[in-house]
Amino acid sequence: MASVILILGLLFFAFVALGVYAGVKAVGAAKRGVDRTISQARRTVEETTLRAKSYGQTGVGGELAQLRLALRTSMRATQEALQAGVAEDASLAESLGLFQRLSVHGHELDDELKKLEREPDRATVASLLPSLKQRTERITHSADSLRWAARDRARQFSDDSLDALNAQIDVEAGALRHWTVEPDAPVQGQGGGPQGDTSGRSQSQSRRSQGPGQEQEQRPGPGQGSGPDEGAARAITASDPRRQAGYPWQKAPRPETTN
C-alpha cells in the first residue's frame, strides 16, 4: 500500500513539474512574440519618420535622415535575403557570418547618425557629412554585393535545374514517339525490301520441290472455306442441298418420289 502511494505521489509531482515547464515555455514564447512585435512596430515607426524627414526636411537634418534610411534599407534587405537563402544553400552560412560582422559597423554608423540628428551645432555636422556619406556608401555597397551575389547564385541553380529538366523531358518525349522511323530506313517485312525478296524466293523454291500431288493437296477444295477451321467443319458435316433452308420462314423441299 505504501509503494502505491509513493508511485502516485511521484506521478503527481511529475505532472506538476511538466505543467510548470510547459507554462514557462509558453510564457517565454509569448514574451518573445511580444518583443518581436514591439521591435517591428518601433522599426516601422522610425523608418516612417526618417522617410518623412528625408522628403520634408531640408539641410543637414534631411541629409542625415536620407543616410540613415539608405543604410537601414540596404542592411535589412541583405539580412532577409541571406537568412532566407541559407536554409536552402548551406554555403551561404559564411556570407551570413560576414554580414553579421558588417552589421556591427552598420549599427555603429546608425547610432552616430542618430546622435548627430540632435546635435545643435549644424556647422560641425555639415563638415562631417562627406565622411559620413563615404562610410554609408562603403557599408551599403558591401551589403548590396552580398545580397546580389546570393540572388545570382540562386538564379544560376534554378537555371541549371531547368536545363536538366528540359533535357529529361526531351528524352522522354522521344521515347514516347518510339513508333516513328527515319524516312531513309528500309521498311522490314515488305515485298519491295530484301526480306520480301528472300521470303518470295524461298516460297517459290519450296513449291517447285513438292510434287503435283502434294501441291494439289495443299490447294483448298471446292467445299473448303478461306480458313482451315471452316473448311474442316464443312468436310466433316457434308450438307444436303435438299435439307437446306434459306431462312426460317421458308419450307423445306419435299423429297422426290419414284414411280
C-alpha atoms as a PDB file:
ATOM      1  CA  MET A   1       0.000   0.000   0.000  1.00  0.00           C
ATOM      2  CA  ALA A   2       2.834   2.380   0.846  1.00  0.00           C
ATOM      3  CA  SER A   3       4.526   1.668  -2.511  1.00  0.00           C
ATOM      4  CA  VAL A   4       1.285   2.501  -4.378  1.00  0.00           C
ATOM      5  CA  ILE A   5       1.008   5.815  -2.514  1.00  0.00           C
ATOM      6  CA  LEU A   6       4.646   6.565  -3.284  1.00  0.00           C
ATOM      7  CA  ILE A   7       4.168   5.862  -7.003  1.00  0.00           C
ATOM      8  CA  LEU A   8       1.046   8.040  -7.134  1.00  0.00           C
ATOM      9  CA  GLY A   9       2.902  10.846  -5.357  1.00  0.00           C
ATOM     10  CA  LEU A  10       5.791  10.635  -7.824  1.00  0.00           C
ATOM     11  CA  LEU A  11       3.374  10.722 -10.763  1.00  0.00           C
ATOM     12  CA  PHE A  12       1.631  13.765  -9.289  1.00  0.00           C
ATOM     13  CA  PHE A  13       4.893  15.666  -8.843  1.00  0.00           C
ATOM     14  CA  ALA A  14       5.987  14.649 -12.366  1.00  0.00           C
ATOM     15  CA  PHE A  15       2.778  16.021 -13.852  1.00  0.00           C
ATOM     16  CA  VAL A  16       3.111  19.217 -11.817  1.00  0.00           C
ATOM     17  CA  ALA A  17       6.721  19.703 -12.948  1.00  0.00           C
ATOM     18  CA  LEU A  18       5.730  19.051 -16.563  1.00  0.00           C
ATOM     19  CA  GLY A  19       2.916  21.577 -16.324  1.00  0.00           C
ATOM     20  CA  VAL A  20       5.235  24.197 -14.809  1.00  0.00           C
ATOM     21  CA  TYR A  21       7.816  23.605 -17.562  1.00  0.00           C
ATOM     22  CA  ALA A  22       5.199  23.873 -20.294  1.00  0.00           C
ATOM     23  CA  GLY A  23       3.837  27.064 -18.721  1.00  0.00           C
ATOM     24  CA  VAL A  24       7.291  28.633 -18.553  1.00  0.00           C
ATOM     25  CA  LYS A  25       7.980  27.749 -22.190  1.00  0.00           C
ATOM     26  CA  ALA A  26       4.632  29.177 -23.276  1.00  0.00           C
ATOM     27  CA  VAL A  27       5.228  32.396 -21.353  1.00  0.00           C
ATOM     28  CA  GLY A  28       8.720  32.718 -22.846  1.00  0.00           C
ATOM     29  CA  ALA A  29       7.401  32.158 -26.379  1.00  0.00           C
ATOM     30  CA  ALA A  30       4.642  34.711 -25.819  1.00  0.00           C
ATOM     31  CA  LYS A  31       7.160  37.206 -24.441  1.00  0.00           C
ATOM     32  CA  ARG A  32       9.453  36.721 -27.427  1.00  0.00           C
ATOM     33  CA  GLY A  33       6.493  37.195 -29.760  1.00  0.00           C
ATOM     34  CA  VAL A  34       5.503  40.404 -27.991  1.00  0.00           C
ATOM     35  CA  ASP A  35       9.071  41.706 -28.058  1.00  0.00           C
ATOM     36  CA  ARG A  36       9.346  40.878 -31.760  1.00  0.00           C
ATOM     37  CA  THR A  37       6.098  42.663 -32.474  1.00  0.00           C
ATOM     38  CA  ILE A  38       7.145  45.710 -30.465  1.00  0.00           C
ATOM     39  CA  SER A  39      10.533  45.875 -32.192  1.00  0.00           C
ATOM     40  CA  GLN A  40       8.923  45.595 -35.631  1.00  0.00           C
ATOM     41  CA  ALA A  41       6.422  48.313 -34.767  1.00  0.00           C
ATOM     42  CA  ARG A  42       9.187  50.554 -33.407  1.00  0.00           C
ATOM     43  CA  ARG A  43      11.281  49.978 -36.546  1.00  0.00           C
ATOM     44  CA  THR A  44       8.326  50.752 -38.794  1.00  0.00           C
ATOM     45  CA  VAL A  45       7.583  53.969 -36.953  1.00  0.00           C
ATOM     46  CA  GLU A  46      11.222  55.032 -37.016  1.00  0.00           C
ATOM     47  CA  GLU A  47      11.599  54.330 -40.730  1.00  0.00           C
ATOM     48  CA  THR A  48       8.392  56.197 -41.474  1.00  0.00           C
ATOM     49  CA  THR A  49       9.727  59.156 -39.510  1.00  0.00           C
ATOM     50  CA  LEU A  50      13.040  59.025 -41.368  1.00  0.00           C
ATOM     51  CA  ARG A  51      11.249  58.916 -44.716  1.00  0.00           C
ATOM     52  CA  ALA A  52       9.145  61.911 -43.747  1.00  0.00           C
ATOM     53  CA  LYS A  53      12.251  63.846 -42.636  1.00  0.00           C
ATOM     54  CA  SER A  54      14.187  62.992 -45.795  1.00  0.00           C
ATOM     55  CA  TYR A  55      11.359  64.215 -48.016  1.00  0.00           C
ATOM     56  CA  GLY A  56      10.058  67.158 -45.984  1.00  0.00           C
ATOM     57  CA  GLN A  57      13.156  68.494 -44.247  1.00  0.00           C
ATOM     58  CA  THR A  58      15.997  70.339 -45.939  1.00  0.00           C
ATOM     59  CA  GLY A  59      19.542  70.984 -44.873  1.00  0.00           C
ATOM     60  CA  VAL A  60      21.697  68.851 -42.624  1.00  0.00           C
ATOM     61  CA  GLY A  61      18.768  67.121 -40.913  1.00  0.00           C
ATOM     62  CA  GLY A  62      17.307  65.912 -44.192  1.00  0.00           C
ATOM     63  CA  GLU A  63      20.664  64.595 -45.411  1.00  0.00           C
ATOM     64  CA  LEU A  64      21.230  62.698 -42.171  1.00  0.00           C
ATOM     65  CA  ALA A  65      17.759  61.165 -42.455  1.00  0.00           C
ATOM     66  CA  GLN A  66      18.490  60.077 -46.032  1.00  0.00           C
ATOM     67  CA  LEU A  67      21.744  58.420 -44.963  1.00  0.00           C
ATOM     68  CA  ARG A  68      20.075  56.521 -42.134  1.00  0.00           C
ATOM     69  CA  LEU A  69      17.186  55.432 -44.365  1.00  0.00           C
ATOM     70  CA  ALA A  70      19.527  54.169 -47.119  1.00  0.00           C
ATOM     71  CA  LEU A  71      21.678  52.324 -44.580  1.00  0.00           C
ATOM     72  CA  ARG A  72      18.775  50.625 -42.807  1.00  0.00           C
ATOM     73  CA  THR A  73      17.017  49.670 -46.046  1.00  0.00           C
ATOM     74  CA  SER A  74      20.123  48.045 -47.549  1.00  0.00           C
ATOM     75  CA  MET A  75      21.068  46.178 -44.380  1.00  0.00           C
ATOM     76  CA  ARG A  76      17.573  44.842 -43.765  1.00  0.00           C
ATOM     77  CA  ALA A  77      17.145  43.640 -47.364  1.00  0.00           C
ATOM     78  CA  THR A  78      20.513  41.842 -47.265  1.00  0.00           C
ATOM     79  CA  GLN A  79      19.740  40.208 -43.936  1.00  0.00           C
ATOM     80  CA  GLU A  80      16.392  38.895 -45.151  1.00  0.00           C
ATOM     81  CA  ALA A  81      17.901  37.576 -48.412  1.00  0.00           C
ATOM     82  CA  LEU A  82      20.752  35.742 -46.666  1.00  0.00           C
ATOM     83  CA  GLN A  83      18.600  34.276 -43.924  1.00  0.00           C
ATOM     84  CA  ALA A  84      16.086  33.014 -46.479  1.00  0.00           C
ATOM     85  CA  GLY A  85      18.808  31.546 -48.723  1.00  0.00           C
ATOM     86  CA  VAL A  86      20.900  29.838 -46.038  1.00  0.00           C
ATOM     87  CA  ALA A  87      18.032  27.416 -45.348  1.00  0.00           C
ATOM     88  CA  GLU A  88      18.349  26.043 -48.911  1.00  0.00           C
ATOM     89  CA  ASP A  89      22.050  26.667 -49.604  1.00  0.00           C
ATOM     90  CA  ALA A  90      24.428  25.874 -46.741  1.00  0.00           C
ATOM     91  CA  SER A  91      27.311  27.659 -48.495  1.00  0.00           C
ATOM     92  CA  LEU A  92      25.673  30.987 -47.648  1.00  0.00           C
ATOM     93  CA  ALA A  93      26.487  30.479 -43.963  1.00  0.00           C
ATOM     94  CA  GLU A  94      29.903  32.082 -44.481  1.00  0.00           C
ATOM     95  CA  SER A  95      28.272  35.015 -46.263  1.00  0.00           C
ATOM     96  CA  LEU A  96      25.855  35.377 -43.361  1.00  0.00           C
ATOM     97  CA  GLY A  97      28.801  35.453 -40.950  1.00  0.00           C
ATOM     98  CA  LEU A  98      30.430  38.217 -42.989  1.00  0.00           C
ATOM     99  CA  PHE A  99      27.184  40.161 -42.965  1.00  0.00           C
ATOM    100  CA  GLN A 100      26.978  39.890 -39.194  1.00  0.00           C
ATOM    101  CA  ARG A 101      30.437  41.426 -38.950  1.00  0.00           C
ATOM    102  CA  LEU A 102      29.321  44.149 -41.356  1.00  0.00           C
ATOM    103  CA  SER A 103      26.225  44.740 -39.238  1.00  0.00           C
ATOM    104  CA  VAL A 104      28.434  45.814 -36.329  1.00  0.00           C
ATOM    105  CA  HIS A 105      29.772  48.707 -38.410  1.00  0.00           C
ATOM    106  CA  GLY A 106      26.276  49.448 -39.661  1.00  0.00           C
ATOM    107  CA  HIS A 107      24.881  49.729 -36.134  1.00  0.00           C
ATOM    108  CA  GLU A 108      27.750  51.988 -35.109  1.00  0.00           C
ATOM    109  CA  LEU A 109      27.145  54.278 -38.065  1.00  0.00           C
ATOM    110  CA  ASP A 110      23.386  54.350 -37.479  1.00  0.00           C
ATOM    111  CA  ASP A 111      23.868  55.259 -33.819  1.00  0.00           C
ATOM    112  CA  GLU A 112      26.295  58.006 -34.789  1.00  0.00           C
ATOM    113  CA  LEU A 113      23.891  59.435 -37.358  1.00  0.00           C
ATOM    114  CA  LYS A 114      21.078  59.297 -34.830  1.00  0.00           C
ATOM    115  CA  LYS A 115      23.112  61.286 -32.316  1.00  0.00           C
ATOM    116  CA  LEU A 116      24.089  63.866 -34.929  1.00  0.00           C
ATOM    117  CA  GLU A 117      20.409  64.500 -35.679  1.00  0.00           C
ATOM    118  CA  ARG A 118      20.078  66.015 -32.194  1.00  0.00           C
ATOM    119  CA  GLU A 119      23.334  67.936 -32.411  1.00  0.00           C
ATOM    120  CA  PRO A 120      22.687  71.711 -32.194  1.00  0.00           C
ATOM    121  CA  ASP A 121      25.974  72.667 -33.912  1.00  0.00           C
ATOM    122  CA  ARG A 122      24.871  72.296 -37.528  1.00  0.00           C
ATOM    123  CA  ALA A 123      28.096  73.692 -38.933  1.00  0.00           C
ATOM    124  CA  THR A 124      30.175  70.920 -37.396  1.00  0.00           C
ATOM    125  CA  VAL A 125      27.668  68.316 -38.539  1.00  0.00           C
ATOM    126  CA  ALA A 126      27.798  69.736 -42.063  1.00  0.00           C
ATOM    127  CA  SER A 127      31.594  69.382 -42.064  1.00  0.00           C
ATOM    128  CA  LEU A 128      31.245  65.716 -41.093  1.00  0.00           C
ATOM    129  CA  LEU A 129      28.731  64.901 -43.832  1.00  0.00           C
ATOM    130  CA  PRO A 130      31.264  63.931 -46.576  1.00  0.00           C
ATOM    131  CA  SER A 131      32.968  61.331 -44.400  1.00  0.00           C
ATOM    132  CA  LEU A 132      29.601  60.045 -43.174  1.00  0.00           C
ATOM    133  CA  LYS A 133      28.386  59.673 -46.755  1.00  0.00           C
ATOM    134  CA  GLN A 134      31.538  57.784 -47.676  1.00  0.00           C
ATOM    135  CA  ARG A 135      31.143  55.362 -44.766  1.00  0.00           C
ATOM    136  CA  THR A 136      27.491  54.835 -45.615  1.00  0.00           C
ATOM    137  CA  GLU A 137      28.300  54.108 -49.260  1.00  0.00           C
ATOM    138  CA  ARG A 138      31.017  51.610 -48.306  1.00  0.00           C
ATOM    139  CA  ILE A 139      28.714  49.705 -45.962  1.00  0.00           C
ATOM    140  CA  THR A 140      25.737  49.721 -48.320  1.00  0.00           C
ATOM    141  CA  HIS A 141      27.946  48.699 -51.250  1.00  0.00           C
ATOM    142  CA  SER A 142      29.240  45.677 -49.322  1.00  0.00           C
ATOM    143  CA  ALA A 143      25.725  44.732 -48.221  1.00  0.00           C
ATOM    144  CA  ASP A 144      24.389  45.081 -51.768  1.00  0.00           C
ATOM    145  CA  SER A 145      27.240  42.947 -53.126  1.00  0.00           C
ATOM    146  CA  LEU A 146      26.419  40.112 -50.716  1.00  0.00           C
ATOM    147  CA  ARG A 147      22.716  40.331 -51.481  1.00  0.00           C
ATOM    148  CA  TRP A 148      23.054  40.333 -55.266  1.00  0.00           C
ATOM    149  CA  ALA A 149      25.675  37.571 -55.179  1.00  0.00           C
ATOM    150  CA  ALA A 150      23.281  35.375 -53.188  1.00  0.00           C
ATOM    151  CA  ARG A 151      20.460  36.129 -55.624  1.00  0.00           C
ATOM    152  CA  ASP A 152      22.646  35.419 -58.664  1.00  0.00           C
ATOM    153  CA  ARG A 153      23.718  32.114 -57.123  1.00  0.00           C
ATOM    154  CA  ALA A 154      20.110  31.082 -56.509  1.00  0.00           C
ATOM    155  CA  ARG A 155      19.164  32.105 -60.062  1.00  0.00           C
ATOM    156  CA  GLN A 156      22.047  30.083 -61.530  1.00  0.00           C
ATOM    157  CA  PHE A 157      20.970  26.998 -59.582  1.00  0.00           C
ATOM    158  CA  SER A 158      17.444  27.480 -60.856  1.00  0.00           C
ATOM    159  CA  ASP A 159      18.664  27.784 -64.473  1.00  0.00           C
ATOM    160  CA  ASP A 160      20.792  24.637 -64.171  1.00  0.00           C
ATOM    161  CA  SER A 161      17.880  22.708 -62.714  1.00  0.00           C
ATOM    162  CA  LEU A 162      15.615  23.943 -65.511  1.00  0.00           C
ATOM    163  CA  ASP A 163      18.148  22.902 -68.193  1.00  0.00           C
ATOM    164  CA  ALA A 164      18.432  19.408 -66.706  1.00  0.00           C
ATOM    165  CA  LEU A 165      14.651  19.122 -66.544  1.00  0.00           C
ATOM    166  CA  ASN A 166      14.293  20.213 -70.183  1.00  0.00           C
ATOM    167  CA  ALA A 167      16.829  17.590 -71.269  1.00  0.00           C
ATOM    168  CA  GLN A 168      14.942  14.865 -69.399  1.00  0.00           C
ATOM    169  CA  ILE A 169      11.659  15.992 -70.939  1.00  0.00           C
ATOM    170  CA  ASP A 170      13.189  15.861 -74.442  1.00  0.00           C
ATOM    171  CA  VAL A 171      14.416  12.311 -73.823  1.00  0.00           C
ATOM    172  CA  GLU A 172      11.012  11.252 -72.501  1.00  0.00           C
ATOM    173  CA  ALA A 173       9.226  12.858 -75.468  1.00  0.00           C
ATOM    174  CA  GLY A 174      11.480  10.944 -77.869  1.00  0.00           C
ATOM    175  CA  ALA A 175      10.784   7.696 -76.014  1.00  0.00           C
ATOM    176  CA  LEU A 176       7.042   8.268 -76.215  1.00  0.00           C
ATOM    177  CA  ARG A 177       7.342   8.637 -80.038  1.00  0.00           C
ATOM    178  CA  HIS A 178       9.067   5.259 -80.418  1.00  0.00           C
ATOM    179  CA  TRP A 179       6.939   4.309 -83.457  1.00  0.00           C
ATOM    180  CA  THR A 180       8.455   6.965 -85.659  1.00  0.00           C
ATOM    181  CA  VAL A 181      11.169   5.767 -88.085  1.00  0.00           C
ATOM    182  CA  GLU A 182      13.664   7.555 -90.275  1.00  0.00           C
ATOM    183  CA  PRO A 183      12.493   8.263 -93.873  1.00  0.00           C
ATOM    184  CA  ASP A 184      15.649   6.671 -95.343  1.00  0.00           C
ATOM    185  CA  ALA A 185      15.437   3.494 -93.223  1.00  0.00           C
ATOM    186  CA  PRO A 186      14.301   0.340 -95.170  1.00  0.00           C
ATOM    187  CA  VAL A 187      10.904  -0.997 -94.196  1.00  0.00           C
ATOM    188  CA  GLN A 188      11.176  -4.591 -92.968  1.00  0.00           C
ATOM    189  CA  GLY A 189       8.733  -7.321 -93.971  1.00  0.00           C
ATOM    190  CA  GLN A 190       7.555  -5.814 -97.287  1.00  0.00           C
ATOM    191  CA  GLY A 191       7.877  -7.330-100.747  1.00  0.00           C
ATOM    192  CA  GLY A 192       9.980  -4.442-102.060  1.00  0.00           C
ATOM    193  CA  GLY A 193      12.682  -4.898 -99.400  1.00  0.00           C
ATOM    194  CA  PRO A 194      15.386  -7.532 -99.212  1.00  0.00           C
ATOM    195  CA  GLN A 195      13.449  -9.563 -96.684  1.00  0.00           C
ATOM    196  CA  GLY A 196      10.423  -9.708 -99.008  1.00  0.00           C
ATOM    197  CA  ASP A 197      12.584 -10.921-101.907  1.00  0.00           C
ATOM    198  CA  THR A 198      14.162 -13.609 -99.765  1.00  0.00           C
ATOM    199  CA  SER A 199      10.800 -14.845 -98.461  1.00  0.00           C
ATOM    200  CA  GLY A 200       9.325 -14.896-102.004  1.00  0.00           C
ATOM    201  CA  ARG A 201      12.236 -16.905-103.387  1.00  0.00           C
ATOM    202  CA  SER A 202      12.057 -19.414-100.529  1.00  0.00           C
ATOM    203  CA  GLN A 203       8.345 -19.948-101.103  1.00  0.00           C
ATOM    204  CA  SER A 204       8.803 -20.496-104.850  1.00  0.00           C
ATOM    205  CA  GLN A 205      11.635 -22.984-104.267  1.00  0.00           C
ATOM    206  CA  SER A 206       9.518 -24.957-101.775  1.00  0.00           C
ATOM    207  CA  ARG A 207       6.663 -25.138-104.269  1.00  0.00           C
ATOM    208  CA  ARG A 208       8.968 -26.433-107.004  1.00  0.00           C
ATOM    209  CA  SER A 209      10.387 -29.133-104.737  1.00  0.00           C
ATOM    210  CA  GLN A 210       6.932 -30.530-103.974  1.00  0.00           C
ATOM    211  CA  GLY A 211       5.204 -32.958-106.297  1.00  0.00           C
ATOM    212  CA  PRO A 212       1.964 -32.383-108.177  1.00  0.00           C
ATOM    213  CA  GLY A 213       0.013 -34.480-105.713  1.00  0.00           C
ATOM    214  CA  GLN A 214       1.274 -32.592-102.734  1.00  0.00           C
ATOM    215  CA  GLU A 215       0.571 -29.292-104.387  1.00  0.00           C
ATOM    216  CA  GLN A 216      -2.968 -30.420-105.138  1.00  0.00           C
ATOM    217  CA  GLU A 217      -3.465 -31.413-101.512  1.00  0.00           C
ATOM    218  CA  GLN A 218      -2.353 -28.015-100.362  1.00  0.00           C
ATOM    219  CA  ARG A 219      -4.830 -26.227-102.592  1.00  0.00           C
ATOM    220  CA  PRO A 220      -8.223 -25.695-100.954  1.00  0.00           C
ATOM    221  CA  GLY A 221     -11.029 -27.842-102.282  1.00  0.00           C
ATOM    222  CA  PRO A 222     -14.344 -26.580-103.548  1.00  0.00           C
ATOM    223  CA  GLY A 223     -16.064 -27.291-100.238  1.00  0.00           C
ATOM    224  CA  GLN A 224     -13.413 -25.621 -98.113  1.00  0.00           C
ATOM    225  CA  GLY A 225     -13.562 -22.026 -96.969  1.00  0.00           C
ATOM    226  CA  SER A 226     -10.902 -19.452 -96.573  1.00  0.00           C
ATOM    227  CA  GLY A 227      -9.879 -20.618 -93.092  1.00  0.00           C
ATOM    228  CA  PRO A 228      -8.728 -24.119 -92.078  1.00  0.00           C
ATOM    229  CA  ASP A 229     -11.295 -24.471 -89.266  1.00  0.00           C
ATOM    230  CA  GLU A 230     -14.205 -23.556 -91.508  1.00  0.00           C
ATOM    231  CA  GLY A 231     -13.101 -25.978 -94.266  1.00  0.00           C
ATOM    232  CA  ALA A 232     -12.604 -28.847 -91.815  1.00  0.00           C
ATOM    233  CA  ALA A 233     -16.067 -28.335 -90.320  1.00  0.00           C
ATOM    234  CA  ARG A 234     -17.703 -28.412 -93.757  1.00  0.00           C
ATOM    235  CA  ALA A 235     -15.754 -31.512 -94.752  1.00  0.00           C
ATOM    236  CA  ILE A 236     -16.875 -33.452 -91.669  1.00  0.00           C
ATOM    237  CA  THR A 237     -20.551 -32.497 -91.916  1.00  0.00           C
ATOM    238  CA  ALA A 238     -21.485 -32.659 -95.570  1.00  0.00           C
ATOM    239  CA  SER A 239     -24.539 -30.597 -96.383  1.00  0.00           C
ATOM    240  CA  ASP A 240     -27.537 -31.907 -98.296  1.00  0.00           C
ATOM    241  CA  PRO A 241     -28.971 -29.300-100.671  1.00  0.00           C
ATOM    242  CA  ARG A 242     -32.475 -30.766-100.306  1.00  0.00           C
ATOM    243  CA  ARG A 243     -32.352 -30.272 -96.497  1.00  0.00           C
ATOM    244  CA  GLN A 244     -31.026 -26.758 -96.566  1.00  0.00           C
ATOM    245  CA  ALA A 245     -33.447 -23.963 -95.808  1.00  0.00           C
ATOM    246  CA  GLY A 246     -32.559 -20.479 -96.764  1.00  0.00           C
ATOM    247  CA  TYR A 247     -34.447 -18.684 -93.972  1.00  0.00           C
ATOM    248  CA  PRO A 248     -36.648 -19.806 -91.081  1.00  0.00           C
ATOM    249  CA  TRP A 249     -39.855 -18.783 -92.865  1.00  0.00           C
ATOM    250  CA  GLN A 250     -39.110 -20.955 -95.925  1.00  0.00           C
ATOM    251  CA  LYS A 251     -40.431 -24.534 -96.021  1.00  0.00           C
ATOM    252  CA  ALA A 252     -38.097 -27.406 -96.618  1.00  0.00           C
ATOM    253  CA  PRO A 253     -38.465 -29.021-100.121  1.00  0.00           C
ATOM    254  CA  ARG A 254     -40.325 -32.311-100.278  1.00  0.00           C
ATOM    255  CA  PRO A 255     -38.313 -35.441-101.217  1.00  0.00           C
ATOM    256  CA  GLU A 256     -38.786 -36.689-104.813  1.00  0.00           C
ATOM    257  CA  THR A 257     -40.941 -39.824-105.249  1.00  0.00           C
ATOM    258  CA  THR A 258     -40.117 -42.535-107.706  1.00  0.00           C
ATOM    259  CA  ASN A 259     -42.869 -44.092-109.774  1.00  0.00           C
END
